[in-house]
Amino acid sequence: MTEIFELTSLKQSENFLQTQCHKGVKEGNPVIPLSAVTKSNEF
């Protein structure tokens, strides 16, 4: 049960990071590449 929850929260945080990146791109702010973020999430 905890594994499923962790996977869900990881997916949610990934989606959150994606929207934050898109916002940053729109506003012209420097953004961390999503590939770097996903790499740090790999175990």
Protein backbone atom coordinates (compact mmCIF):
# COMPACT_ATOMS: atom_id res chain seq x y z
CA MET A 1 0.00 0.00 0.00
CA THR A 2 2.80 2.44 0.85
CA GLU A 3 4.55 1.66 -2.44
CA ILE A 4 1.45 2.65 -4.41
CA PHE A 5 1.17 5.85 -2.40
CA GLU A 6 4.83 6.69 -3.00
CA LEU A 7 4.42 6.10 -6.72
CA THR A 8 1.35 8.33 -6.80
CA SER A 9 3.03 11.16 -4.89
CA LEU A 10 6.10 10.83 -7.12
CA LYS A 11 3.91 11.15 -10.19
CA GLN A 12 2.14 14.16 -8.67
CA SER A 13 5.42 15.89 -7.85
CA GLU A 14 6.62 15.14 -11.39
CA ASN A 15 3.49 16.78 -12.82
CA PHE A 16 3.99 19.70 -10.44
CA LEU A 17 7.59 20.12 -11.58
CA GLN A 18 6.47 20.01 -15.21
CA THR A 19 3.89 22.77 -14.70
CA GLN A 20 6.47 24.81 -12.76
CA CYS A 21 8.91 24.39 -15.67
CA HIS A 22 6.29 25.50 -18.19
CA LYS A 23 5.48 28.54 -16.03
CA GLY A 24 9.18 29.38 -15.80
CA VAL A 25 9.59 29.08 -19.57
CA LYS A 26 6.61 31.36 -20.17
CA GLU A 27 7.98 33.95 -17.76
CA GLY A 28 11.49 33.59 -19.19
CA ASN A 29 13.00 32.28 -15.96
CA PRO A 30 15.90 29.81 -15.97
CA VAL A 31 14.56 26.29 -15.43
CA ILE A 32 16.11 22.99 -14.42
CA PRO A 33 15.82 20.58 -17.38
CA LEU A 34 13.19 17.95 -16.69
CA SER A 35 15.64 15.20 -17.64
CA ALA A 36 17.87 16.20 -14.74
CA VAL A 37 14.89 16.07 -12.39
CA THR A 38 13.74 12.63 -13.52
CA LYS A 39 17.29 11.28 -13.30
CA SER A 40 17.48 12.29 -9.64
CA ASN A 41 14.22 10.41 -9.01
CA GLU A 42 15.55 7.12 -10.43
CA PHE A 43 16.66 4.53 -7.91
